[in-house]
Every structure is written in structure tokens, then in C-alpha cells.
Amino acid sequence: MCNLYSVMTNQEAIRTIARVMIDHIGNLQPLPEVWPNTMAPIVRNAEGGRELVMARWGMPTPPGMLKGKKVDRGITNVRHTDSSWWRRWLGVEHRCLVPLTAFAEPEHLPEGGSRQVWFARADGEPLAFFADLWCRWTSKPRH
């Protein structure tokens, strides 16, 4: 999956399918385009059971990839899980489910441009989930 997805369902559907016990979202508005470094719903385990919360999409960027950048906008593809940078977030306590109704991949056009091509479930079900990791972080300016 690329760096764009949508959540066009209601939170009752998310709560029911993911068996959410605690909902911290309030009123979930449709999210036609969720890009990295934006807030979107996730389902994660908590002490009181599964909870539905809004979280920033992405993880803190490894320091070596931030050279020359003033802001850490995060990274959405965790690679090299043997790295000590990622190891701290690979445990069960940082796993989550991300609800989506469709995701996009760029199509490279013959004239050199590109456009987003959207994909959704073929079985007519409006809601799917992908597995992800979460942690608390903000995209603060670097000093």
C-alpha cells in the first residue's frame, strides 16, 4: 500500500468488527484522503480492552534519514526490523489495526505524470483493516 488511504465508514462499523470496548474518538468524520502525518482512527489494545483512538499516521523517522531536514514528518514503511531504532515498538503493546475503506497507488502515465488509482474490497464489504504499529510522537521541528 502506498501513502494514501480513506476511511469513509462510520465508527459503529469499526467498533463492531474490531470488537472495540472503549471509544475515545467522539464523532468520526469521513476521511476521504489520509496522508502520512495526519490524524486517523486506529484500534489498539489498552488496559480496559480494545480502544478506538485518533493517532498520527506514521512513526518517528530514524535519525540517519533526517539529515538536512528541519521537521520530522514521520515514516510509514518500517523496514529493517532488526534495527535498534524499530525494536522498541515491535512488541504486542504497540500493535494496532487501521480501518480503511480504500487505498491508493500511483499510476505512472506515459506522458510522465501520475494519478492515484483507488482499490477497495471486491466482495462489497465497505471496511477492511491493515496491521500497523503505533507510538506517541509529534513531528516537532529539529534543532
C-alpha atoms as a PDB file:
ATOM      1  CA  MET A   1       0.000   0.000   0.000  1.00  0.00           C
ATOM      2  CA  CYS A   2       1.203   3.451  -0.832  1.00  0.00           C
ATOM      3  CA  ASN A   3       0.894   6.542   1.351  1.00  0.00           C
ATOM      4  CA  LEU A   4      -2.777   7.317   0.819  1.00  0.00           C
ATOM      5  CA  TYR A   5      -5.948   5.661   2.070  1.00  0.00           C
ATOM      6  CA  SER A   6      -9.526   6.608   3.001  1.00  0.00           C
ATOM      7  CA  VAL A   7     -11.887   5.912   5.892  1.00  0.00           C
ATOM      8  CA  MET A   8     -15.430   6.539   4.665  1.00  0.00           C
ATOM      9  CA  THR A   9     -17.319   4.345   7.128  1.00  0.00           C
ATOM     10  CA  ASN A  10     -18.877   5.105  10.480  1.00  0.00           C
ATOM     11  CA  GLN A  11     -17.266   4.349  13.795  1.00  0.00           C
ATOM     12  CA  GLU A  12     -20.057   1.958  14.799  1.00  0.00           C
ATOM     13  CA  ALA A  13     -18.921  -0.373  11.999  1.00  0.00           C
ATOM     14  CA  ILE A  14     -15.315  -0.101  13.205  1.00  0.00           C
ATOM     15  CA  ARG A  15     -16.335  -0.748  16.831  1.00  0.00           C
ATOM     16  CA  THR A  16     -18.437  -3.774  15.882  1.00  0.00           C
ATOM     17  CA  ILE A  17     -15.976  -5.517  13.560  1.00  0.00           C
ATOM     18  CA  ALA A  18     -12.905  -4.838  15.746  1.00  0.00           C
ATOM     19  CA  ARG A  19     -14.820  -5.533  18.995  1.00  0.00           C
ATOM     20  CA  VAL A  20     -13.862  -2.153  20.444  1.00  0.00           C
ATOM     21  CA  MET A  21     -14.712  -1.703  24.121  1.00  0.00           C
ATOM     22  CA  ILE A  22     -13.620   1.928  24.593  1.00  0.00           C
ATOM     23  CA  ASP A  23     -14.205   4.713  22.055  1.00  0.00           C
ATOM     24  CA  HIS A  24     -12.160   7.901  22.539  1.00  0.00           C
ATOM     25  CA  ILE A  25     -12.893   9.479  19.147  1.00  0.00           C
ATOM     26  CA  GLY A  26     -16.134  11.358  19.673  1.00  0.00           C
ATOM     27  CA  ASN A  27     -17.692  11.952  16.253  1.00  0.00           C
ATOM     28  CA  LEU A  28     -15.670  10.428  13.405  1.00  0.00           C
ATOM     29  CA  GLN A  29     -15.982  12.467  10.237  1.00  0.00           C
ATOM     30  CA  PRO A  30     -15.439  10.828   6.820  1.00  0.00           C
ATOM     31  CA  LEU A  31     -11.754  10.917   5.858  1.00  0.00           C
ATOM     32  CA  PRO A  32     -11.587  10.745   2.041  1.00  0.00           C
ATOM     33  CA  GLU A  33      -7.791  11.178   1.981  1.00  0.00           C
ATOM     34  CA  VAL A  34      -5.498  10.105   4.818  1.00  0.00           C
ATOM     35  CA  TRP A  35      -1.890  11.066   4.080  1.00  0.00           C
ATOM     36  CA  PRO A  36       1.162  10.433   6.291  1.00  0.00           C
ATOM     37  CA  ASN A  37       1.484  12.734   9.307  1.00  0.00           C
ATOM     38  CA  THR A  38      -2.285  13.254   9.583  1.00  0.00           C
ATOM     39  CA  MET A  39      -4.692  12.029  12.261  1.00  0.00           C
ATOM     40  CA  ALA A  40      -6.792   8.937  11.587  1.00  0.00           C
ATOM     41  CA  PRO A  41      -8.516   6.243  13.663  1.00  0.00           C
ATOM     42  CA  ILE A  42      -6.724   3.153  14.953  1.00  0.00           C
ATOM     43  CA  VAL A  43      -7.760   0.246  17.163  1.00  0.00           C
ATOM     44  CA  ARG A  44      -5.211  -0.680  19.814  1.00  0.00           C
ATOM     45  CA  ASN A  45      -5.077  -2.776  22.966  1.00  0.00           C
ATOM     46  CA  ALA A  46      -5.362  -0.953  26.292  1.00  0.00           C
ATOM     47  CA  GLU A  47      -5.747  -1.975  29.911  1.00  0.00           C
ATOM     48  CA  GLY A  48      -9.542  -1.818  29.722  1.00  0.00           C
ATOM     49  CA  GLY A  49      -9.754  -3.657  26.386  1.00  0.00           C
ATOM     50  CA  ARG A  50      -9.568  -2.632  22.746  1.00  0.00           C
ATOM     51  CA  GLU A  51      -9.869   1.095  22.226  1.00  0.00           C
ATOM     52  CA  LEU A  52     -10.592   3.304  19.232  1.00  0.00           C
ATOM     53  CA  VAL A  53      -8.438   6.449  19.159  1.00  0.00           C
ATOM     54  CA  MET A  54      -7.178   9.036  16.700  1.00  0.00           C
ATOM     55  CA  ALA A  55      -3.443   8.803  16.031  1.00  0.00           C
ATOM     56  CA  ARG A  56      -0.922  10.412  13.713  1.00  0.00           C
ATOM     57  CA  TRP A  57      -0.176   8.134  10.757  1.00  0.00           C
ATOM     58  CA  GLY A  58       3.498   7.302  10.748  1.00  0.00           C
ATOM     59  CA  MET A  59       6.364   6.561  13.076  1.00  0.00           C
ATOM     60  CA  PRO A  60       9.360   8.727  14.041  1.00  0.00           C
ATOM     61  CA  THR A  61      11.950   8.751  11.277  1.00  0.00           C
ATOM     62  CA  PRO A  62      15.322   7.172  12.069  1.00  0.00           C
ATOM     63  CA  PRO A  63      17.850   9.979  12.745  1.00  0.00           C
ATOM     64  CA  GLY A  64      20.101   8.991   9.856  1.00  0.00           C
ATOM     65  CA  MET A  65      17.264   9.693   7.407  1.00  0.00           C
ATOM     66  CA  LEU A  66      16.691  13.222   8.781  1.00  0.00           C
ATOM     67  CA  LYS A  67      19.988  14.779   7.731  1.00  0.00           C
ATOM     68  CA  GLY A  68      19.307  18.246   6.341  1.00  0.00           C
ATOM     69  CA  LYS A  69      15.606  18.203   7.283  1.00  0.00           C
ATOM     70  CA  LYS A  70      14.117  20.657   9.772  1.00  0.00           C
ATOM     71  CA  VAL A  71      10.944  18.707  10.599  1.00  0.00           C
ATOM     72  CA  ASP A  72      10.363  15.002  11.153  1.00  0.00           C
ATOM     73  CA  ARG A  73       7.179  14.262   9.212  1.00  0.00           C
ATOM     74  CA  GLY A  74       7.450  10.578  10.047  1.00  0.00           C
ATOM     75  CA  ILE A  75       7.809   7.416   8.052  1.00  0.00           C
ATOM     76  CA  THR A  76       5.098   4.910   7.136  1.00  0.00           C
ATOM     77  CA  ASN A  77       7.189   1.941   5.975  1.00  0.00           C
ATOM     78  CA  VAL A  78       9.050   0.234   8.793  1.00  0.00           C
ATOM     79  CA  ARG A  79      11.932  -1.665   7.271  1.00  0.00           C
ATOM     80  CA  HIS A  80      14.970  -3.309   8.826  1.00  0.00           C
ATOM     81  CA  THR A  81      13.145  -4.521  11.920  1.00  0.00           C
ATOM     82  CA  ASP A  82      16.471  -5.808  13.227  1.00  0.00           C
ATOM     83  CA  SER A  83      17.486  -2.158  13.805  1.00  0.00           C
ATOM     84  CA  SER A  84      17.515  -0.977  17.419  1.00  0.00           C
ATOM     85  CA  TRP A  85      15.529   2.099  16.262  1.00  0.00           C
ATOM     86  CA  TRP A  86      12.457  -0.015  15.465  1.00  0.00           C
ATOM     87  CA  ARG A  87      12.872  -2.799  18.027  1.00  0.00           C
ATOM     88  CA  ARG A  88      11.330  -0.756  20.883  1.00  0.00           C
ATOM     89  CA  TRP A  89       7.993  -0.590  19.013  1.00  0.00           C
ATOM     90  CA  LEU A  90       7.744  -4.158  17.701  1.00  0.00           C
ATOM     91  CA  GLY A  91       6.089  -5.627  20.808  1.00  0.00           C
ATOM     92  CA  VAL A  92       2.419  -6.504  21.148  1.00  0.00           C
ATOM     93  CA  GLU A  93       1.766  -3.305  23.132  1.00  0.00           C
ATOM     94  CA  HIS A  94       2.490  -1.196  20.014  1.00  0.00           C
ATOM     95  CA  ARG A  95       0.476  -3.199  17.502  1.00  0.00           C
ATOM     96  CA  CYS A  96      -2.752  -1.795  16.111  1.00  0.00           C
ATOM     97  CA  LEU A  97      -5.348  -2.157  13.395  1.00  0.00           C
ATOM     98  CA  VAL A  98      -6.000   0.671  10.963  1.00  0.00           C
ATOM     99  CA  PRO A  99      -9.501   0.782   9.440  1.00  0.00           C
ATOM    100  CA  LEU A 100      -9.820   1.729   5.777  1.00  0.00           C
ATOM    101  CA  THR A 101     -12.394   1.657   3.028  1.00  0.00           C
ATOM    102  CA  ALA A 102      -9.948   2.059   0.111  1.00  0.00           C
ATOM    103  CA  PHE A 103      -6.282   2.690  -0.587  1.00  0.00           C
ATOM    104  CA  ALA A 104      -4.485   4.344  -3.486  1.00  0.00           C
ATOM    105  CA  GLU A 105      -1.420   3.516  -5.543  1.00  0.00           C
ATOM    106  CA  PRO A 106       0.144   5.906  -8.035  1.00  0.00           C
ATOM    107  CA  GLU A 107      -0.167   5.037 -11.708  1.00  0.00           C
ATOM    108  CA  HIS A 108       2.700   6.392 -13.787  1.00  0.00           C
ATOM    109  CA  LEU A 109       1.341   7.792 -17.040  1.00  0.00           C
ATOM    110  CA  PRO A 110       3.117   7.540 -20.428  1.00  0.00           C
ATOM    111  CA  GLU A 111       3.497  11.336 -20.698  1.00  0.00           C
ATOM    112  CA  GLY A 112       5.422  11.380 -17.418  1.00  0.00           C
ATOM    113  CA  GLY A 113       2.779  12.395 -14.884  1.00  0.00           C
ATOM    114  CA  SER A 114       0.945  10.201 -12.441  1.00  0.00           C
ATOM    115  CA  ARG A 115      -2.506   9.792 -10.906  1.00  0.00           C
ATOM    116  CA  GLN A 116      -3.924   7.926  -7.944  1.00  0.00           C
ATOM    117  CA  VAL A 117      -5.730   4.646  -8.634  1.00  0.00           C
ATOM    118  CA  TRP A 118      -8.058   3.592  -5.814  1.00  0.00           C
ATOM    119  CA  PHE A 119      -8.606  -0.006  -4.649  1.00  0.00           C
ATOM    120  CA  ALA A 120     -11.374  -1.361  -2.411  1.00  0.00           C
ATOM    121  CA  ARG A 121     -12.630  -4.785  -1.405  1.00  0.00           C
ATOM    122  CA  ALA A 122     -14.133  -6.707  -4.310  1.00  0.00           C
ATOM    123  CA  ASP A 123     -16.601  -8.595  -2.105  1.00  0.00           C
ATOM    124  CA  GLY A 124     -18.689  -5.479  -1.485  1.00  0.00           C
ATOM    125  CA  GLU A 125     -17.711  -5.152   2.174  1.00  0.00           C
ATOM    126  CA  PRO A 126     -17.060  -1.472   2.884  1.00  0.00           C
ATOM    127  CA  LEU A 127     -14.494  -1.903   5.657  1.00  0.00           C
ATOM    128  CA  ALA A 128     -11.073  -3.525   5.886  1.00  0.00           C
ATOM    129  CA  PHE A 129      -8.112  -3.204   8.264  1.00  0.00           C
ATOM    130  CA  PHE A 130      -4.359  -3.257   7.911  1.00  0.00           C
ATOM    131  CA  ALA A 131      -1.941  -4.183  10.678  1.00  0.00           C
ATOM    132  CA  ASP A 132       0.372  -1.414  11.843  1.00  0.00           C
ATOM    133  CA  LEU A 133       2.422  -0.098  14.751  1.00  0.00           C
ATOM    134  CA  TRP A 134       1.758   2.967  16.898  1.00  0.00           C
ATOM    135  CA  CYS A 135       3.718   5.089  19.342  1.00  0.00           C
ATOM    136  CA  ARG A 136       3.361   8.512  20.900  1.00  0.00           C
ATOM    137  CA  TRP A 137       5.253  11.144  18.937  1.00  0.00           C
ATOM    138  CA  THR A 138       4.904  14.551  17.347  1.00  0.00           C
ATOM    139  CA  SER A 139       6.529  15.924  14.217  1.00  0.00           C
ATOM    140  CA  LYS A 140       8.497  18.587  16.057  1.00  0.00           C
ATOM    141  CA  PRO A 141      10.957  20.890  14.345  1.00  0.00           C
ATOM    142  CA  ARG A 142      14.513  19.658  14.780  1.00  0.00           C
ATOM    143  CA  HIS A 143      17.099  21.954  16.364  1.00  0.00           C
END
